[in-house]
Amino acid sequence: MGQKVHPYGFRLGVIKTWNSKWFEDKAYAKWLHEDIRIRRAVKDYLMNANIASVEVERAANKCKVIVFTARPGMVIGKGGKGIETLKIGNLKTAAKGEPLFPGVQSFTDNEVFIDVQEVRKAETSAQLVAENIATQLERRVAFRRAMKKAVATSMKFGAKGI
């Protein structure tokens, strides 16, 4: 039986970049688990903000988390309050009905910086199109209609294929 290579491995460095940009000899496993926890927590906390991807860059004692989203205003919040909550959490200051979040800083020992990048064409981002279709299916929209509408919208905005 032949070796199976994940398609993402073929795309890395050619049309895709790494989700984590750092190098570590001794604490590689620790940093990898921190990255996974950071990504999972950010996506869970900002589930309605149309998060396309979360990248982590590290250098020395600094950890930069870059959040790519179609709705940056929802992530940033009023006066940058959303970024502060994302960074340090809201366990003590959560308003009634607001979800509790420990903050990205609690997952790592390094100093955390959060950057928010806007995804200009959300209709051409595969992750955002898939999440859009999933939410439509949750609202009981006919799956053929949801798929055809997503394909038509993506092609209209310049996607080369779906």
N, C-alpha and C. Protein backbone atom coordinates (compact mmCIF):
# COMPACT_ATOMS: atom_id res chain seq x y z
N MET A 1 0.84 -1.17 0.00
CA MET A 1 0.00 0.00 0.00
C MET A 1 0.89 1.24 0.00
N GLY A 2 0.55 2.21 -0.81
CA GLY A 2 1.38 3.41 -0.95
C GLY A 2 1.23 4.38 0.20
N GLN A 3 2.18 5.30 0.27
CA GLN A 3 2.12 6.31 1.32
C GLN A 3 1.07 7.36 0.97
N LYS A 4 0.34 7.76 1.98
CA LYS A 4 -0.69 8.78 1.78
C LYS A 4 -0.15 10.11 2.30
N VAL A 5 -0.21 11.12 1.49
CA VAL A 5 0.24 12.45 1.88
C VAL A 5 -0.97 13.37 1.91
N HIS A 6 -1.10 14.11 3.00
CA HIS A 6 -2.22 15.03 3.13
C HIS A 6 -2.10 16.13 2.08
N PRO A 7 -3.18 16.50 1.42
CA PRO A 7 -3.12 17.53 0.38
C PRO A 7 -2.62 18.88 0.88
N TYR A 8 -2.83 19.16 2.17
CA TYR A 8 -2.35 20.43 2.72
C TYR A 8 -0.82 20.50 2.65
N GLY A 9 -0.18 19.34 2.80
CA GLY A 9 1.28 19.28 2.71
C GLY A 9 1.80 19.68 1.34
N PHE A 10 1.06 19.35 0.29
CA PHE A 10 1.46 19.75 -1.06
C PHE A 10 1.33 21.25 -1.26
N ARG A 11 0.35 21.85 -0.60
CA ARG A 11 0.06 23.27 -0.81
C ARG A 11 0.93 24.20 0.03
N LEU A 12 1.49 23.70 1.13
CA LEU A 12 2.30 24.53 2.01
C LEU A 12 3.51 25.10 1.28
N GLY A 13 3.69 26.39 1.40
CA GLY A 13 4.81 27.05 0.77
C GLY A 13 4.57 27.42 -0.68
N VAL A 14 3.52 26.88 -1.30
CA VAL A 14 3.22 27.19 -2.69
C VAL A 14 2.03 28.15 -2.76
N ILE A 15 0.87 27.68 -2.32
CA ILE A 15 -0.30 28.56 -2.32
C ILE A 15 -0.86 28.79 -0.92
N LYS A 16 -0.37 28.08 0.06
CA LYS A 16 -0.80 28.24 1.46
C LYS A 16 0.43 28.54 2.31
N THR A 17 0.19 29.20 3.45
CA THR A 17 1.28 29.44 4.39
C THR A 17 0.99 28.66 5.67
N TRP A 18 1.98 28.60 6.53
CA TRP A 18 1.83 27.90 7.79
C TRP A 18 0.93 28.70 8.72
N ASN A 19 0.14 28.01 9.55
CA ASN A 19 -0.72 28.68 10.52
C ASN A 19 0.06 29.12 11.76
N SER A 20 1.20 28.50 11.99
CA SER A 20 2.07 28.88 13.10
C SER A 20 3.43 29.24 12.51
N LYS A 21 3.95 30.40 12.91
CA LYS A 21 5.23 30.86 12.37
C LYS A 21 6.21 31.03 13.52
N TRP A 22 6.92 29.97 13.84
CA TRP A 22 7.92 29.99 14.89
C TRP A 22 8.76 28.73 14.80
N PHE A 23 9.88 28.74 15.53
CA PHE A 23 10.75 27.57 15.60
C PHE A 23 11.20 27.40 17.04
N GLU A 24 11.15 26.19 17.54
CA GLU A 24 11.56 25.92 18.91
C GLU A 24 12.14 24.52 18.98
N ASP A 25 13.29 24.39 19.63
CA ASP A 25 13.93 23.08 19.77
C ASP A 25 13.33 22.25 20.90
N LYS A 26 13.37 22.81 22.11
CA LYS A 26 13.03 22.02 23.28
C LYS A 26 11.55 22.04 23.64
N ALA A 27 10.91 23.17 23.51
CA ALA A 27 9.51 23.30 23.96
C ALA A 27 8.53 23.21 22.79
N TYR A 28 8.88 22.46 21.76
CA TYR A 28 8.04 22.39 20.56
C TYR A 28 6.63 21.87 20.89
N ALA A 29 6.55 20.77 21.61
CA ALA A 29 5.24 20.17 21.92
C ALA A 29 4.40 21.12 22.76
N LYS A 30 5.03 21.78 23.73
CA LYS A 30 4.30 22.72 24.59
C LYS A 30 3.72 23.85 23.76
N TRP A 31 4.54 24.44 22.89
CA TRP A 31 4.07 25.55 22.06
C TRP A 31 2.99 25.10 21.08
N LEU A 32 3.13 23.90 20.54
CA LEU A 32 2.13 23.39 19.61
C LEU A 32 0.78 23.24 20.30
N HIS A 33 0.77 22.69 21.51
CA HIS A 33 -0.48 22.55 22.26
C HIS A 33 -1.05 23.91 22.64
N GLU A 34 -0.18 24.87 22.97
CA GLU A 34 -0.66 26.23 23.26
C GLU A 34 -1.34 26.82 22.03
N ASP A 35 -0.72 26.64 20.87
CA ASP A 35 -1.31 27.16 19.63
C ASP A 35 -2.69 26.56 19.37
N ILE A 36 -2.80 25.26 19.56
CA ILE A 36 -4.08 24.58 19.33
C ILE A 36 -5.14 25.11 20.29
N ARG A 37 -4.77 25.27 21.58
CA ARG A 37 -5.72 25.80 22.56
C ARG A 37 -6.12 27.23 22.25
N ILE A 38 -5.16 28.04 21.81
CA ILE A 38 -5.45 29.44 21.46
C ILE A 38 -6.42 29.49 20.29
N ARG A 39 -6.15 28.73 19.23
CA ARG A 39 -7.03 28.72 18.06
C ARG A 39 -8.44 28.28 18.42
N ARG A 40 -8.53 27.19 19.17
CA ARG A 40 -9.84 26.65 19.54
C ARG A 40 -10.62 27.65 20.40
N ALA A 41 -9.95 28.29 21.35
CA ALA A 41 -10.62 29.24 22.25
C ALA A 41 -11.10 30.47 21.49
N VAL A 42 -10.26 30.99 20.59
CA VAL A 42 -10.64 32.18 19.82
C VAL A 42 -11.83 31.87 18.92
N LYS A 43 -11.80 30.72 18.25
CA LYS A 43 -12.91 30.37 17.36
C LYS A 43 -14.20 30.11 18.14
N ASP A 44 -14.09 29.52 19.33
CA ASP A 44 -15.29 29.28 20.14
C ASP A 44 -15.86 30.58 20.67
N TYR A 45 -14.99 31.48 21.15
CA TYR A 45 -15.46 32.73 21.74
C TYR A 45 -16.05 33.66 20.68
N LEU A 46 -15.45 33.67 19.49
CA LEU A 46 -15.90 34.56 18.41
C LEU A 46 -16.61 33.79 17.32
N MET A 47 -17.48 32.87 17.69
CA MET A 47 -18.12 32.00 16.69
C MET A 47 -19.02 32.77 15.72
N ASN A 48 -19.56 33.92 16.11
CA ASN A 48 -20.44 34.68 15.23
C ASN A 48 -19.70 35.77 14.46
N ALA A 49 -18.39 35.84 14.58
CA ALA A 49 -17.62 36.91 13.95
C ALA A 49 -17.03 36.50 12.60
N ASN A 50 -17.43 35.36 12.06
CA ASN A 50 -16.93 34.88 10.77
C ASN A 50 -15.40 34.83 10.74
N ILE A 51 -14.82 34.00 11.58
CA ILE A 51 -13.37 33.84 11.66
C ILE A 51 -12.93 32.92 10.52
N ALA A 52 -12.06 33.43 9.64
CA ALA A 52 -11.54 32.63 8.54
C ALA A 52 -10.37 31.77 9.03
N SER A 53 -9.44 32.38 9.76
CA SER A 53 -8.31 31.63 10.30
C SER A 53 -7.67 32.40 11.44
N VAL A 54 -6.87 31.69 12.22
CA VAL A 54 -6.12 32.29 13.33
C VAL A 54 -4.67 31.85 13.17
N GLU A 55 -3.76 32.82 13.03
CA GLU A 55 -2.34 32.53 12.89
C GLU A 55 -1.62 32.93 14.16
N VAL A 56 -0.57 32.18 14.50
CA VAL A 56 0.22 32.47 15.70
C VAL A 56 1.66 32.65 15.28
N GLU A 57 2.25 33.79 15.66
CA GLU A 57 3.66 34.06 15.41
C GLU A 57 4.34 34.24 16.75
N ARG A 58 5.51 33.64 16.90
CA ARG A 58 6.25 33.75 18.16
C ARG A 58 7.68 34.17 17.89
N ALA A 59 8.20 35.00 18.80
CA ALA A 59 9.60 35.39 18.78
C ALA A 59 9.99 35.72 20.21
N ALA A 60 11.03 35.09 20.70
CA ALA A 60 11.51 35.29 22.07
C ALA A 60 10.37 35.07 23.06
N ASN A 61 9.99 36.08 23.82
CA ASN A 61 8.91 35.94 24.82
C ASN A 61 7.64 36.63 24.38
N LYS A 62 7.42 36.73 23.09
CA LYS A 62 6.23 37.39 22.57
C LYS A 62 5.43 36.42 21.71
N CYS A 63 4.13 36.53 21.80
CA CYS A 63 3.23 35.69 21.02
C CYS A 63 2.23 36.62 20.34
N LYS A 64 2.24 36.63 19.01
CA LYS A 64 1.33 37.49 18.26
C LYS A 64 0.25 36.61 17.64
N VAL A 65 -1.00 36.91 17.98
CA VAL A 65 -2.15 36.16 17.46
C VAL A 65 -2.83 37.03 16.42
N ILE A 66 -2.90 36.55 15.18
CA ILE A 66 -3.52 37.29 14.09
C ILE A 66 -4.84 36.60 13.76
N VAL A 67 -5.93 37.36 13.89
CA VAL A 67 -7.27 36.84 13.65
C VAL A 67 -7.76 37.40 12.32
N PHE A 68 -8.02 36.52 11.35
CA PHE A 68 -8.55 36.93 10.06
C PHE A 68 -10.06 36.75 10.10
N THR A 69 -10.79 37.86 9.92
CA THR A 69 -12.24 37.82 10.07
C THR A 69 -12.92 38.69 9.02
N ALA A 70 -14.15 38.33 8.69
CA ALA A 70 -14.94 39.13 7.77
C ALA A 70 -15.63 40.28 8.50
N ARG A 71 -15.72 40.20 9.82
CA ARG A 71 -16.38 41.23 10.62
C ARG A 71 -15.44 41.74 11.72
N PRO A 72 -14.46 42.58 11.35
CA PRO A 72 -13.49 43.04 12.35
C PRO A 72 -14.10 43.90 13.44
N GLY A 73 -15.16 44.63 13.13
CA GLY A 73 -15.81 45.46 14.14
C GLY A 73 -16.36 44.65 15.29
N MET A 74 -16.82 43.45 14.99
CA MET A 74 -17.36 42.59 16.03
C MET A 74 -16.25 42.06 16.94
N VAL A 75 -15.07 41.85 16.38
CA VAL A 75 -13.94 41.35 17.17
C VAL A 75 -13.35 42.48 18.02
N ILE A 76 -13.18 43.66 17.41
CA ILE A 76 -12.54 44.78 18.11
C ILE A 76 -13.45 45.34 19.20
N GLY A 77 -14.73 45.47 18.91
CA GLY A 77 -15.67 45.99 19.90
C GLY A 77 -15.58 47.50 20.02
N LYS A 78 -16.35 48.05 20.95
CA LYS A 78 -16.37 49.50 21.15
C LYS A 78 -15.10 49.93 21.87
N GLY A 79 -14.34 50.80 21.23
CA GLY A 79 -13.13 51.33 21.83
C GLY A 79 -12.05 50.29 22.08
N GLY A 80 -12.04 49.21 21.34
CA GLY A 80 -11.02 48.18 21.52
C GLY A 80 -11.26 47.27 22.71
N LYS A 81 -12.45 47.33 23.27
CA LYS A 81 -12.77 46.53 24.45
C LYS A 81 -12.80 45.04 24.13
N GLY A 82 -13.19 44.70 22.91
CA GLY A 82 -13.24 43.30 22.50
C GLY A 82 -11.87 42.66 22.45
N ILE A 83 -10.87 43.43 22.02
CA ILE A 83 -9.50 42.90 21.96
C ILE A 83 -8.96 42.70 23.37
N GLU A 84 -9.27 43.62 24.28
CA GLU A 84 -8.84 43.47 25.68
C GLU A 84 -9.46 42.22 26.30
N THR A 85 -10.75 41.99 26.03
CA THR A 85 -11.42 40.80 26.54
C THR A 85 -10.79 39.55 25.95
N LEU A 86 -10.47 39.60 24.66
CA LEU A 86 -9.84 38.47 23.99
C LEU A 86 -8.46 38.19 24.59
N LYS A 87 -7.77 39.24 24.97
CA LYS A 87 -6.41 39.09 25.49
C LYS A 87 -6.39 38.61 26.94
N ILE A 88 -7.12 39.30 27.84
CA ILE A 88 -7.02 38.97 29.27
C ILE A 88 -8.24 38.24 29.82
N GLY A 89 -9.33 38.18 29.07
CA GLY A 89 -10.51 37.44 29.50
C GLY A 89 -11.53 38.31 30.20
N ASN A 90 -12.65 37.68 30.55
CA ASN A 90 -13.74 38.40 31.21
C ASN A 90 -14.35 37.59 32.35
N LEU A 91 -13.56 36.75 32.99
CA LEU A 91 -14.10 35.90 34.04
C LEU A 91 -14.65 36.71 35.21
N LYS A 92 -14.03 37.86 35.51
CA LYS A 92 -14.48 38.67 36.64
C LYS A 92 -15.44 39.78 36.22
N THR A 93 -15.38 40.20 34.97
CA THR A 93 -16.16 41.36 34.53
C THR A 93 -17.28 41.02 33.56
N ALA A 94 -17.62 39.75 33.42
CA ALA A 94 -18.63 39.35 32.44
C ALA A 94 -20.00 39.89 32.83
N ALA A 95 -20.68 40.48 31.86
CA ALA A 95 -22.05 40.96 32.07
C ALA A 95 -23.01 39.77 32.04
N LYS A 96 -24.21 40.00 32.49
CA LYS A 96 -25.20 38.93 32.52
C LYS A 96 -25.52 38.50 31.09
N GLY A 97 -25.43 37.20 30.83
CA GLY A 97 -25.72 36.67 29.51
C GLY A 97 -24.51 36.62 28.59
N GLU A 98 -23.41 37.24 28.99
CA GLU A 98 -22.19 37.24 28.17
C GLU A 98 -21.42 35.95 28.45
N PRO A 99 -20.89 35.29 27.41
CA PRO A 99 -20.16 34.04 27.64
C PRO A 99 -18.84 34.31 28.37
N LEU A 100 -18.48 33.39 29.27
CA LEU A 100 -17.22 33.52 30.00
C LEU A 100 -16.06 33.09 29.12
N PHE A 101 -14.95 33.82 29.21
CA PHE A 101 -13.77 33.52 28.40
C PHE A 101 -12.53 33.81 29.24
N PRO A 102 -11.62 32.84 29.39
CA PRO A 102 -10.45 33.05 30.24
C PRO A 102 -9.41 33.99 29.64
N GLY A 103 -9.41 34.19 28.34
CA GLY A 103 -8.43 35.07 27.70
C GLY A 103 -7.27 34.28 27.13
N VAL A 104 -6.71 34.78 26.04
CA VAL A 104 -5.60 34.11 25.36
C VAL A 104 -4.37 34.10 26.25
N GLN A 105 -4.19 35.14 27.07
CA GLN A 105 -3.02 35.24 27.94
C GLN A 105 -2.93 34.06 28.90
N SER A 106 -4.06 33.46 29.26
CA SER A 106 -4.05 32.35 30.21
C SER A 106 -3.52 31.05 29.60
N PHE A 107 -3.42 30.98 28.28
CA PHE A 107 -2.96 29.76 27.62
C PHE A 107 -1.45 29.71 27.43
N THR A 108 -0.76 30.83 27.59
CA THR A 108 0.67 30.88 27.32
C THR A 108 1.38 31.73 28.36
N ASP A 109 2.67 31.47 28.53
CA ASP A 109 3.48 32.25 29.47
C ASP A 109 4.02 33.51 28.82
N ASN A 110 3.97 33.59 27.51
CA ASN A 110 4.53 34.72 26.77
C ASN A 110 3.59 35.91 26.77
N GLU A 111 4.15 37.08 26.45
CA GLU A 111 3.33 38.29 26.31
C GLU A 111 2.54 38.19 25.01
N VAL A 112 1.25 38.46 25.06
CA VAL A 112 0.36 38.26 23.92
C VAL A 112 0.00 39.59 23.28
N PHE A 113 0.09 39.63 21.95
CA PHE A 113 -0.39 40.76 21.15
C PHE A 113 -1.43 40.22 20.19
N ILE A 114 -2.53 40.94 20.04
CA ILE A 114 -3.60 40.47 19.16
C ILE A 114 -3.77 41.46 18.03
N ASP A 115 -3.79 40.94 16.80
CA ASP A 115 -3.96 41.75 15.60
C ASP A 115 -5.18 41.21 14.86
N VAL A 116 -6.00 42.11 14.35
CA VAL A 116 -7.20 41.71 13.61
C VAL A 116 -7.05 42.15 12.17
N GLN A 117 -7.16 41.21 11.24
CA GLN A 117 -7.07 41.49 9.81
C GLN A 117 -8.43 41.22 9.17
N GLU A 118 -8.85 42.10 8.29
CA GLU A 118 -10.13 41.92 7.62
C GLU A 118 -9.97 41.06 6.37
N VAL A 119 -10.90 40.14 6.18
CA VAL A 119 -10.97 39.35 4.95
C VAL A 119 -11.84 40.16 4.01
N ARG A 120 -11.25 40.68 2.94
CA ARG A 120 -11.97 41.59 2.04
C ARG A 120 -13.14 40.91 1.33
N LYS A 121 -12.88 39.76 0.73
CA LYS A 121 -13.93 39.04 0.00
C LYS A 121 -14.27 37.76 0.77
N ALA A 122 -15.23 37.86 1.66
CA ALA A 122 -15.62 36.70 2.46
C ALA A 122 -16.23 35.61 1.59
N GLU A 123 -16.78 35.99 0.45
CA GLU A 123 -17.44 35.02 -0.43
C GLU A 123 -16.44 34.12 -1.14
N THR A 124 -15.15 34.46 -1.15
CA THR A 124 -14.15 33.63 -1.80
C THR A 124 -13.32 32.83 -0.80
N SER A 125 -13.54 33.02 0.48
CA SER A 125 -12.84 32.27 1.52
C SER A 125 -13.56 30.94 1.75
N ALA A 126 -12.86 29.84 1.54
CA ALA A 126 -13.48 28.51 1.64
C ALA A 126 -14.05 28.26 3.03
N GLN A 127 -13.33 28.66 4.06
CA GLN A 127 -13.80 28.45 5.43
C GLN A 127 -15.10 29.20 5.69
N LEU A 128 -15.16 30.45 5.25
CA LEU A 128 -16.35 31.27 5.50
C LEU A 128 -17.55 30.79 4.67
N VAL A 129 -17.30 30.33 3.45
CA VAL A 129 -18.38 29.79 2.62
C VAL A 129 -18.94 28.52 3.26
N ALA A 130 -18.05 27.66 3.76
CA ALA A 130 -18.49 26.42 4.40
C ALA A 130 -19.30 26.70 5.66
N GLU A 131 -18.85 27.67 6.47
CA GLU A 131 -19.60 28.02 7.68
C GLU A 131 -20.96 28.62 7.33
N ASN A 132 -21.01 29.40 6.25
CA ASN A 132 -22.27 29.98 5.80
C ASN A 132 -23.26 28.87 5.40
N ILE A 133 -22.78 27.90 4.66
CA ILE A 133 -23.63 26.77 4.26
C ILE A 133 -24.10 26.00 5.50
N ALA A 134 -23.19 25.79 6.45
CA ALA A 134 -23.55 25.06 7.67
C ALA A 134 -24.64 25.78 8.46
N THR A 135 -24.53 27.10 8.58
CA THR A 135 -25.57 27.84 9.31
C THR A 135 -26.90 27.79 8.57
N GLN A 136 -26.86 27.81 7.24
CA GLN A 136 -28.10 27.70 6.48
C GLN A 136 -28.74 26.33 6.70
N LEU A 137 -27.93 25.28 6.73
CA LEU A 137 -28.46 23.94 6.97
C LEU A 137 -29.04 23.82 8.38
N GLU A 138 -28.41 24.49 9.35
CA GLU A 138 -28.95 24.49 10.71
C GLU A 138 -30.30 25.18 10.78
N ARG A 139 -30.51 26.17 9.89
CA ARG A 139 -31.79 26.88 9.84
C ARG A 139 -32.80 26.16 8.95
N ARG A 140 -32.48 24.93 8.55
CA ARG A 140 -33.37 24.07 7.78
C ARG A 140 -33.62 24.55 6.35
N VAL A 141 -32.64 25.22 5.73
CA VAL A 141 -32.75 25.59 4.33
C VAL A 141 -32.45 24.35 3.50
N ALA A 142 -33.09 24.20 2.37
CA ALA A 142 -32.85 23.05 1.50
C ALA A 142 -31.38 23.02 1.08
N PHE A 143 -30.74 21.85 1.20
CA PHE A 143 -29.30 21.79 0.99
C PHE A 143 -28.90 22.10 -0.45
N ARG A 144 -29.71 21.69 -1.42
CA ARG A 144 -29.37 22.00 -2.82
C ARG A 144 -29.41 23.50 -3.07
N ARG A 145 -30.40 24.16 -2.51
CA ARG A 145 -30.52 25.61 -2.66
C ARG A 145 -29.33 26.31 -2.00
N ALA A 146 -28.95 25.87 -0.82
CA ALA A 146 -27.83 26.47 -0.10
C ALA A 146 -26.53 26.30 -0.90
N MET A 147 -26.31 25.10 -1.42
CA MET A 147 -25.09 24.83 -2.19
C MET A 147 -25.05 25.65 -3.48
N LYS A 148 -26.14 25.65 -4.23
CA LYS A 148 -26.17 26.39 -5.50
C LYS A 148 -25.99 27.88 -5.27
N LYS A 149 -26.61 28.41 -4.21
CA LYS A 149 -26.48 29.83 -3.91
C LYS A 149 -25.04 30.17 -3.53
N ALA A 150 -24.40 29.31 -2.73
CA ALA A 150 -23.02 29.55 -2.31
C ALA A 150 -22.07 29.50 -3.51
N VAL A 151 -22.26 28.54 -4.40
CA VAL A 151 -21.41 28.44 -5.59
C VAL A 151 -21.60 29.66 -6.48
N ALA A 152 -22.84 30.05 -6.71
CA ALA A 152 -23.11 31.21 -7.58
C ALA A 152 -22.52 32.49 -6.99
N THR A 153 -22.67 32.68 -5.69
CA THR A 153 -22.14 33.89 -5.06
C THR A 153 -20.62 33.91 -5.12
N SER A 154 -19.98 32.78 -4.84
CA SER A 154 -18.52 32.72 -4.88
C SER A 154 -17.98 32.98 -6.28
N MET A 155 -18.61 32.39 -7.28
CA MET A 155 -18.16 32.58 -8.66
C MET A 155 -18.36 34.03 -9.09
N LYS A 156 -19.44 34.66 -8.61
CA LYS A 156 -19.70 36.05 -8.95
C LYS A 156 -18.62 36.98 -8.37
N PHE A 157 -18.09 36.63 -7.21
CA PHE A 157 -17.08 37.46 -6.57
C PHE A 157 -15.66 37.11 -7.01
N GLY A 158 -15.50 36.23 -7.97
CA GLY A 158 -14.19 35.99 -8.55
C GLY A 158 -13.49 34.71 -8.16
N ALA A 159 -14.17 33.79 -7.50
CA ALA A 159 -13.55 32.51 -7.18
C ALA A 159 -13.38 31.72 -8.47
N LYS A 160 -12.26 31.01 -8.59
CA LYS A 160 -11.99 30.27 -9.82
C LYS A 160 -12.70 28.92 -9.85
N GLY A 161 -13.17 28.48 -8.71
CA GLY A 161 -13.89 27.22 -8.66
C GLY A 161 -14.22 26.84 -7.23
N ILE A 162 -15.16 25.93 -7.13
CA ILE A 162 -15.54 25.45 -5.78
C ILE A 162 -15.52 23.94 -5.80
